[in-house]
Amino acid sequence: MPLPEWAFWLTLGVMTVGLIGTVIPVLPGVELIWLAALVYAVAERFATIDPLTFAALTALAAIGVTANIWASHLGSRLGGASWQALLAGLGLGAVGFVVGLLVGGIGAVPGGLIGALAGVLLVEYSRRKDWKAAARAGTGWLAGCLLSGLIQAVLGVVMILLFIWQRLAGP
C-alpha cells in the first residue's frame, strides 16, 4: 500500500533529527533513524522497504547503537585505561551530565564528557602516579568516543541513503 508523499518527507525529517543525534548525544541517533524506517515500512506493509532492506537497516543500527560501547572501550584499552578508570569515567560522566542539566540543560553533554574524562584521568593517575600515562589513557578514551560518533554518523547517512534508494526504486 503506497503512502502519501508527505509520509516520506515526514519520515526523512525524523531521520534527519536522528542523524543530528549521532553527533549530539542528547538526541537519539541511529536508533531514531531505524525506528522511523520501521514505522514507514510497517505502515506501507513492507512494499518498498522490503524485509531484506529492513534487515540491512537493522544490522547497521545494531552496529551504530553498540559503537558507543566498543569504540570507546577500544580507544580506552589502546590508551592503557583500566576497567576501574572506565567505571570511574562512567560514574563521573553521569554526575557531570546531571550537573550540566541543572545549568540550563545546555551543559549536559559537555558536563558528561568532562566528568567522564576527569574520572579516567583521576583513577589512572592514582593507580600509576604518572600524569603522562593518565593523559594517554584519557586521550585514548576521548579518541574512542570521537570514533564512535564518526561511526554512528557514517552509519546514519548510509541508513538514510538506503531508505531513500529503496523508496525511489519503488515496489
Protein backbone atom coordinates (compact mmCIF):
# COMPACT_ATOMS: atom_id res chain seq x y z
CA MET A 1 0.00 0.00 0.00
CA PRO A 2 1.72 3.21 -1.16
CA LEU A 3 1.86 6.02 1.37
CA PRO A 4 1.29 9.68 0.51
CA GLU A 5 4.32 11.76 -0.40
CA TRP A 6 4.15 13.72 2.87
CA ALA A 7 4.73 10.49 4.82
CA PHE A 8 8.05 10.00 3.04
CA TRP A 9 9.12 13.58 3.78
CA LEU A 10 8.00 13.34 7.40
CA THR A 11 10.00 10.13 7.80
CA LEU A 12 13.01 11.79 6.21
CA GLY A 13 12.64 14.71 8.64
CA VAL A 14 12.62 12.35 11.62
CA MET A 15 15.65 10.56 10.17
CA THR A 16 17.44 13.91 9.87
CA VAL A 17 16.84 14.54 13.58
CA GLY A 18 18.34 11.09 14.18
CA LEU A 19 21.36 12.00 12.05
CA ILE A 20 21.86 15.13 14.14
CA GLY A 21 21.58 12.85 17.19
CA THR A 22 24.63 10.90 16.04
CA VAL A 23 26.77 13.93 16.86
CA ILE A 24 24.69 15.44 19.68
CA PRO A 25 24.48 12.72 22.34
CA VAL A 26 21.32 14.10 23.99
CA LEU A 27 19.24 13.26 20.90
CA PRO A 28 18.61 9.68 19.79
CA GLY A 29 20.74 8.80 16.77
CA VAL A 30 20.73 5.68 14.63
CA GLU A 31 18.01 4.18 16.79
CA LEU A 32 15.67 7.02 15.74
CA ILE A 33 16.59 6.53 12.09
CA TRP A 34 15.84 2.81 12.44
CA LEU A 35 12.54 3.48 14.24
CA ALA A 36 11.42 5.91 11.53
CA ALA A 37 12.21 3.30 8.86
CA LEU A 38 10.31 0.67 10.85
CA VAL A 39 7.19 2.84 11.18
CA TYR A 40 7.31 3.69 7.48
CA ALA A 41 7.86 0.06 6.44
CA VAL A 42 5.05 -1.25 8.65
CA ALA A 43 2.68 1.50 7.51
CA GLU A 44 3.28 0.58 3.88
CA ARG A 45 3.29 -3.15 4.68
CA PHE A 46 6.94 -3.56 3.59
CA ALA A 47 6.05 -2.74 -0.02
CA THR A 48 9.06 -0.53 -0.82
CA ILE A 49 11.15 -1.05 2.30
CA ASP A 50 11.19 -4.82 1.91
CA PRO A 51 12.22 -7.25 4.67
CA LEU A 52 15.73 -7.67 3.25
CA THR A 53 16.32 -3.91 3.21
CA PHE A 54 14.89 -3.61 6.68
CA ALA A 55 17.20 -6.40 7.88
CA ALA A 56 20.15 -4.43 6.48
CA LEU A 57 18.93 -1.27 8.24
CA THR A 58 18.60 -3.27 11.46
CA ALA A 59 22.16 -4.61 11.19
CA LEU A 60 23.54 -1.12 10.55
CA ALA A 61 21.55 0.25 13.50
CA ALA A 62 22.83 -2.50 15.79
CA ILE A 63 26.43 -1.66 14.88
CA GLY A 64 25.74 2.03 15.45
CA VAL A 65 23.96 1.60 18.78
CA THR A 66 26.75 -0.56 20.16
CA ALA A 67 29.54 1.66 18.76
CA ASN A 68 29.50 3.76 21.93
CA ILE A 69 30.45 0.71 23.94
CA TRP A 70 33.03 -0.98 21.76
CA ALA A 71 34.70 2.09 20.20
CA SER A 72 35.23 3.94 23.48
CA HIS A 73 36.37 0.68 25.12
CA LEU A 74 38.80 0.06 22.26
CA GLY A 75 40.21 3.57 22.49
CA SER A 76 40.50 3.30 26.26
CA ARG A 77 42.28 -0.01 26.12
CA LEU A 78 44.68 1.21 23.42
CA GLY A 79 45.39 4.21 25.64
CA GLY A 80 46.05 1.91 28.58
CA ALA A 81 42.99 2.72 30.72
CA SER A 82 41.99 0.20 33.34
CA TRP A 83 38.48 -1.07 33.94
CA GLN A 84 38.47 0.94 37.18
CA ALA A 85 39.17 4.12 35.22
CA LEU A 86 36.37 3.31 32.78
CA LEU A 87 33.98 2.71 35.66
CA ALA A 88 35.01 6.00 37.30
CA GLY A 89 34.58 7.72 33.94
CA LEU A 90 31.07 6.32 33.66
CA GLY A 91 30.18 7.49 37.17
CA LEU A 92 31.67 10.97 36.90
CA GLY A 93 30.27 11.30 33.40
CA ALA A 94 26.78 10.71 34.81
CA VAL A 95 27.42 13.26 37.56
CA GLY A 96 28.71 15.78 35.01
CA PHE A 97 25.67 15.17 32.83
CA VAL A 98 23.26 15.82 35.73
CA VAL A 99 25.16 18.92 36.84
CA GLY A 100 25.12 20.13 33.24
CA LEU A 101 21.36 19.63 33.09
CA LEU A 102 20.99 21.88 36.11
CA VAL A 103 22.95 24.59 34.30
CA GLY A 104 20.21 25.38 31.82
CA GLY A 105 20.35 21.97 30.18
CA ILE A 106 22.86 23.07 27.59
CA GLY A 107 25.80 21.93 29.69
CA ALA A 108 24.65 18.32 29.91
CA VAL A 109 26.74 16.97 27.05
CA PRO A 110 29.93 18.91 27.85
CA GLY A 111 29.44 18.14 31.55
CA GLY A 112 29.13 14.44 30.83
CA LEU A 113 32.23 14.42 28.63
CA ILE A 114 34.29 16.45 31.09
CA GLY A 115 33.15 14.30 34.01
CA ALA A 116 33.97 11.06 32.19
CA LEU A 117 37.38 12.33 31.10
CA ALA A 118 38.11 13.52 34.64
CA GLY A 119 37.16 10.10 36.02
CA VAL A 120 39.54 8.30 33.66
CA LEU A 121 42.37 10.76 34.35
CA LEU A 122 41.99 10.74 38.14
CA VAL A 123 41.83 6.98 38.50
CA GLU A 124 44.72 6.37 36.13
CA TYR A 125 46.84 8.96 37.93
CA SER A 126 46.02 7.46 41.33
CA ARG A 127 46.95 3.99 40.02
CA ARG A 128 50.19 4.92 38.24
CA LYS A 129 51.29 8.22 39.81
CA ASP A 130 52.16 9.33 36.28
CA TRP A 131 50.30 12.16 34.56
CA LYS A 132 51.63 11.13 31.13
CA ALA A 133 50.16 7.65 31.45
CA ALA A 134 46.90 9.10 32.77
CA ALA A 135 46.76 11.57 29.89
CA ARG A 136 47.42 8.75 27.39
CA ALA A 137 44.54 6.75 28.88
CA GLY A 138 42.24 9.80 28.81
CA THR A 139 43.24 10.61 25.24
CA GLY A 140 42.53 7.02 24.22
CA TRP A 141 39.07 7.20 25.80
CA LEU A 142 38.33 10.53 24.09
CA ALA A 143 39.56 9.20 20.73
CA GLY A 144 37.27 6.18 21.15
CA CYS A 145 34.31 8.46 21.85
CA LEU A 146 35.06 10.56 18.77
CA LEU A 147 35.45 7.39 16.70
CA SER A 148 32.08 6.21 17.98
CA GLY A 149 30.44 9.46 16.89
CA LEU A 150 32.04 9.21 13.46
CA ILE A 151 30.92 5.59 13.05
CA GLN A 152 27.37 6.47 14.05
CA ALA A 153 27.25 9.48 11.71
CA VAL A 154 28.50 7.44 8.75
CA LEU A 155 26.08 4.61 9.50
CA GLY A 156 23.24 7.11 9.86
CA VAL A 157 23.99 8.58 6.43
CA VAL A 158 24.19 5.08 4.90
CA MET A 159 20.86 4.11 6.50
CA ILE A 160 19.13 7.23 5.21
CA LEU A 161 20.56 6.77 1.71
CA LEU A 162 19.46 3.14 1.70
CA PHE A 163 15.96 4.20 2.75
CA ILE A 164 15.80 6.88 0.03
CA TRP A 165 17.17 4.49 -2.60
CA GLN A 166 14.56 1.84 -1.78
CA ARG A 167 11.76 4.41 -1.68
CA LEU A 168 12.74 5.84 -5.06
CA ALA A 169 13.20 2.38 -6.58
CA GLY A 170 9.62 1.59 -5.57
CA PRO A 171 7.94 -1.80 -5.36
